[in-house]
């Protein structure tokens, strides 16, 4: 992910940078919850850290929802 020029688009995900979150992602017509941390954002992608040393870029159109991890676990498991 190229960090150059990142100030030229709205950063929708900035509030969640570095926080433990659950990203709800659409993969093969399924909704998949992904516990992770958002580490960066470009105009089209969001880079997340799934575990130390393992980062993945998700196209923004695949992201259905973002919740802070504690809130997401409480609301989905009760």
N, C-alpha and C. Protein backbone atom coordinates (compact mmCIF):
# COMPACT_ATOMS: atom_id res chain seq x y z
N UNK A 1 0.84 -1.17 0.00
CA UNK A 1 0.00 0.00 0.00
C UNK A 1 0.89 1.23 0.00
N UNK A 2 0.65 2.11 -0.90
CA UNK A 2 1.46 3.30 -1.04
C UNK A 2 0.95 4.39 -0.11
N UNK A 3 1.82 4.88 0.78
CA UNK A 3 1.43 5.93 1.72
C UNK A 3 1.50 7.32 1.10
N UNK A 4 2.08 7.43 -0.07
CA UNK A 4 2.20 8.72 -0.74
C UNK A 4 0.82 9.22 -1.15
N UNK A 5 0.54 10.47 -0.88
CA UNK A 5 -0.72 11.06 -1.31
C UNK A 5 -1.92 10.68 -0.47
N UNK A 6 -1.69 10.17 0.73
CA UNK A 6 -2.82 9.73 1.56
C UNK A 6 -3.62 10.89 2.14
N UNK A 7 -3.13 12.10 2.04
CA UNK A 7 -3.86 13.26 2.57
C UNK A 7 -4.87 13.81 1.56
N UNK A 8 -5.02 13.17 0.42
CA UNK A 8 -5.87 13.70 -0.64
C UNK A 8 -7.21 13.00 -0.75
N UNK A 9 -7.64 12.26 0.28
CA UNK A 9 -8.93 11.59 0.27
C UNK A 9 -9.45 11.54 1.70
N UNK A 10 -10.78 11.42 1.88
CA UNK A 10 -11.30 11.33 3.25
C UNK A 10 -10.90 10.00 3.89
N UNK A 11 -10.48 10.05 5.15
CA UNK A 11 -10.07 8.84 5.86
C UNK A 11 -11.22 8.40 6.75
N UNK A 12 -12.03 7.53 6.24
CA UNK A 12 -13.22 7.04 6.93
C UNK A 12 -12.85 6.19 8.13
N UNK A 13 -11.74 5.47 8.06
CA UNK A 13 -11.38 4.49 9.08
C UNK A 13 -10.40 5.01 10.12
N UNK A 14 -10.02 6.28 10.06
CA UNK A 14 -9.00 6.85 10.94
C UNK A 14 -9.33 6.66 12.43
N UNK A 15 -10.59 6.75 12.81
CA UNK A 15 -10.98 6.63 14.22
C UNK A 15 -10.63 5.26 14.79
N UNK A 16 -10.46 4.25 13.96
CA UNK A 16 -10.18 2.89 14.43
C UNK A 16 -8.71 2.51 14.29
N UNK A 17 -7.84 3.39 13.79
CA UNK A 17 -6.42 3.04 13.63
C UNK A 17 -5.84 2.58 14.97
N UNK A 18 -5.21 1.41 14.98
CA UNK A 18 -4.51 0.90 16.15
C UNK A 18 -5.39 0.24 17.20
N UNK A 19 -6.70 0.32 17.07
CA UNK A 19 -7.60 -0.29 18.05
C UNK A 19 -7.93 -1.73 17.65
N UNK A 20 -8.20 -2.56 18.64
CA UNK A 20 -8.68 -3.91 18.36
C UNK A 20 -10.13 -3.80 17.91
N UNK A 21 -10.41 -4.28 16.71
CA UNK A 21 -11.75 -4.18 16.13
C UNK A 21 -12.15 -5.53 15.54
N UNK A 22 -13.40 -5.61 15.14
CA UNK A 22 -13.88 -6.72 14.33
C UNK A 22 -14.39 -6.11 13.03
N UNK A 23 -13.80 -6.53 11.94
CA UNK A 23 -14.16 -6.06 10.61
C UNK A 23 -15.09 -7.11 10.01
N UNK A 24 -16.28 -6.72 9.59
CA UNK A 24 -17.19 -7.65 8.92
C UNK A 24 -16.95 -7.50 7.43
N UNK A 25 -16.47 -8.58 6.81
CA UNK A 25 -16.03 -8.54 5.41
C UNK A 25 -16.87 -9.51 4.58
N UNK A 26 -17.20 -9.11 3.36
CA UNK A 26 -17.92 -9.98 2.43
C UNK A 26 -16.91 -10.79 1.63
N UNK A 27 -16.94 -12.12 1.80
CA UNK A 27 -16.04 -13.02 1.07
C UNK A 27 -16.88 -14.17 0.51
N UNK A 28 -16.89 -14.32 -0.80
CA UNK A 28 -17.64 -15.40 -1.45
C UNK A 28 -19.10 -15.45 -0.98
N UNK A 29 -19.77 -14.32 -0.99
CA UNK A 29 -21.18 -14.19 -0.61
C UNK A 29 -21.44 -14.56 0.84
N UNK A 30 -20.41 -14.54 1.68
CA UNK A 30 -20.54 -14.79 3.11
C UNK A 30 -20.07 -13.56 3.87
N UNK A 31 -20.63 -13.35 5.05
CA UNK A 31 -20.17 -12.29 5.93
C UNK A 31 -19.23 -12.90 6.96
N UNK A 32 -17.97 -12.48 6.92
CA UNK A 32 -16.93 -13.08 7.76
C UNK A 32 -16.40 -12.04 8.75
N UNK A 33 -16.53 -12.29 10.07
CA UNK A 33 -15.96 -11.37 11.06
C UNK A 33 -14.45 -11.61 11.17
N UNK A 34 -13.67 -10.53 11.13
CA UNK A 34 -12.21 -10.62 11.19
C UNK A 34 -11.69 -9.76 12.35
N UNK A 35 -11.32 -10.38 13.47
CA UNK A 35 -10.67 -9.60 14.53
C UNK A 35 -9.32 -9.10 14.02
N UNK A 36 -9.06 -7.80 14.18
CA UNK A 36 -7.83 -7.23 13.62
C UNK A 36 -7.61 -5.83 14.16
N UNK A 37 -6.57 -5.16 13.65
CA UNK A 37 -6.30 -3.75 13.89
C UNK A 37 -6.08 -3.09 12.54
N UNK A 38 -6.68 -1.94 12.32
CA UNK A 38 -6.45 -1.18 11.08
C UNK A 38 -5.13 -0.44 11.24
N UNK A 39 -4.24 -0.62 10.25
CA UNK A 39 -2.93 0.03 10.33
C UNK A 39 -2.75 1.14 9.31
N UNK A 40 -3.52 1.11 8.20
CA UNK A 40 -3.44 2.20 7.24
C UNK A 40 -4.63 2.14 6.29
N UNK A 41 -4.75 3.20 5.51
CA UNK A 41 -5.86 3.33 4.58
C UNK A 41 -5.41 4.09 3.34
N UNK A 42 -5.84 3.62 2.20
CA UNK A 42 -5.62 4.35 0.95
C UNK A 42 -6.99 4.76 0.42
N UNK A 43 -7.03 5.32 -0.76
CA UNK A 43 -8.31 5.73 -1.34
C UNK A 43 -9.22 4.53 -1.62
N UNK A 44 -8.64 3.36 -1.86
CA UNK A 44 -9.44 2.20 -2.24
C UNK A 44 -9.36 1.02 -1.28
N UNK A 45 -8.32 0.97 -0.42
CA UNK A 45 -8.08 -0.20 0.43
C UNK A 45 -7.88 0.19 1.89
N UNK A 46 -8.09 -0.80 2.75
CA UNK A 46 -7.78 -0.69 4.17
C UNK A 46 -6.80 -1.82 4.50
N UNK A 47 -5.68 -1.48 5.11
CA UNK A 47 -4.70 -2.50 5.51
C UNK A 47 -4.93 -2.82 6.98
N UNK A 48 -5.07 -4.12 7.27
CA UNK A 48 -5.29 -4.56 8.64
C UNK A 48 -4.20 -5.53 9.06
N UNK A 49 -3.95 -5.57 10.35
CA UNK A 49 -3.01 -6.53 10.94
C UNK A 49 -3.86 -7.60 11.62
N UNK A 50 -3.81 -8.82 11.10
CA UNK A 50 -4.57 -9.93 11.67
C UNK A 50 -3.87 -10.52 12.88
N UNK A 51 -2.54 -10.58 12.82
CA UNK A 51 -1.69 -10.98 13.94
C UNK A 51 -0.32 -10.39 13.66
N UNK A 52 0.55 -10.29 14.66
CA UNK A 52 1.86 -9.67 14.42
C UNK A 52 2.58 -10.27 13.21
N UNK A 53 2.98 -9.39 12.31
CA UNK A 53 3.69 -9.80 11.11
C UNK A 53 2.81 -10.23 9.95
N UNK A 54 1.47 -10.20 10.13
CA UNK A 54 0.57 -10.65 9.06
C UNK A 54 -0.44 -9.56 8.76
N UNK A 55 -0.17 -8.79 7.71
CA UNK A 55 -1.03 -7.69 7.29
C UNK A 55 -1.69 -8.03 5.96
N UNK A 56 -2.95 -7.60 5.82
CA UNK A 56 -3.73 -7.89 4.62
C UNK A 56 -4.43 -6.61 4.18
N UNK A 57 -4.49 -6.39 2.87
CA UNK A 57 -5.25 -5.26 2.32
C UNK A 57 -6.63 -5.75 1.90
N UNK A 58 -7.68 -5.03 2.36
CA UNK A 58 -9.05 -5.33 1.94
C UNK A 58 -9.56 -4.16 1.12
N UNK A 59 -10.12 -4.42 -0.06
CA UNK A 59 -10.79 -3.35 -0.80
C UNK A 59 -11.96 -2.83 0.04
N UNK A 60 -12.15 -1.53 0.06
CA UNK A 60 -13.21 -0.94 0.87
C UNK A 60 -14.59 -1.47 0.53
N UNK A 61 -14.82 -1.86 -0.72
CA UNK A 61 -16.15 -2.36 -1.08
C UNK A 61 -16.45 -3.72 -0.45
N UNK A 62 -15.45 -4.41 0.08
CA UNK A 62 -15.66 -5.69 0.77
C UNK A 62 -16.06 -5.50 2.23
N UNK A 63 -15.81 -4.32 2.79
CA UNK A 63 -16.05 -4.07 4.22
C UNK A 63 -17.51 -3.69 4.43
N UNK A 64 -18.19 -4.49 5.25
CA UNK A 64 -19.60 -4.26 5.53
C UNK A 64 -19.83 -3.49 6.82
N UNK A 65 -18.96 -3.69 7.82
CA UNK A 65 -19.11 -3.03 9.12
C UNK A 65 -17.80 -3.08 9.89
N UNK A 66 -17.66 -2.15 10.85
CA UNK A 66 -16.52 -2.10 11.76
C UNK A 66 -17.07 -1.88 13.16
N UNK A 67 -16.63 -2.70 14.11
CA UNK A 67 -17.02 -2.53 15.50
C UNK A 67 -15.81 -2.70 16.39
N UNK A 68 -15.77 -1.95 17.50
CA UNK A 68 -14.70 -2.17 18.46
C UNK A 68 -14.86 -3.57 19.01
N UNK A 69 -13.76 -4.25 19.24
CA UNK A 69 -13.80 -5.68 19.56
C UNK A 69 -14.67 -6.02 20.76
N UNK A 70 -14.57 -5.31 21.86
CA UNK A 70 -15.39 -5.60 23.04
C UNK A 70 -16.87 -5.44 22.76
N UNK A 71 -17.25 -4.40 22.04
CA UNK A 71 -18.64 -4.18 21.70
C UNK A 71 -19.15 -5.25 20.75
N UNK A 72 -18.34 -5.62 19.78
CA UNK A 72 -18.75 -6.61 18.79
C UNK A 72 -18.97 -7.96 19.44
N UNK A 73 -18.07 -8.37 20.32
CA UNK A 73 -18.22 -9.67 20.98
C UNK A 73 -19.44 -9.69 21.88
N UNK A 74 -19.67 -8.60 22.63
CA UNK A 74 -20.83 -8.55 23.51
C UNK A 74 -22.13 -8.62 22.74
N UNK A 75 -22.23 -7.93 21.62
CA UNK A 75 -23.49 -7.88 20.88
C UNK A 75 -23.77 -9.14 20.08
N UNK A 76 -22.74 -9.87 19.67
CA UNK A 76 -22.95 -11.05 18.84
C UNK A 76 -23.06 -12.35 19.62
N UNK A 77 -22.59 -12.38 20.85
CA UNK A 77 -22.57 -13.64 21.60
C UNK A 77 -23.60 -13.70 22.71
N UNK A 78 -24.42 -12.69 22.87
CA UNK A 78 -25.48 -12.74 23.90
C UNK A 78 -26.79 -13.15 23.32
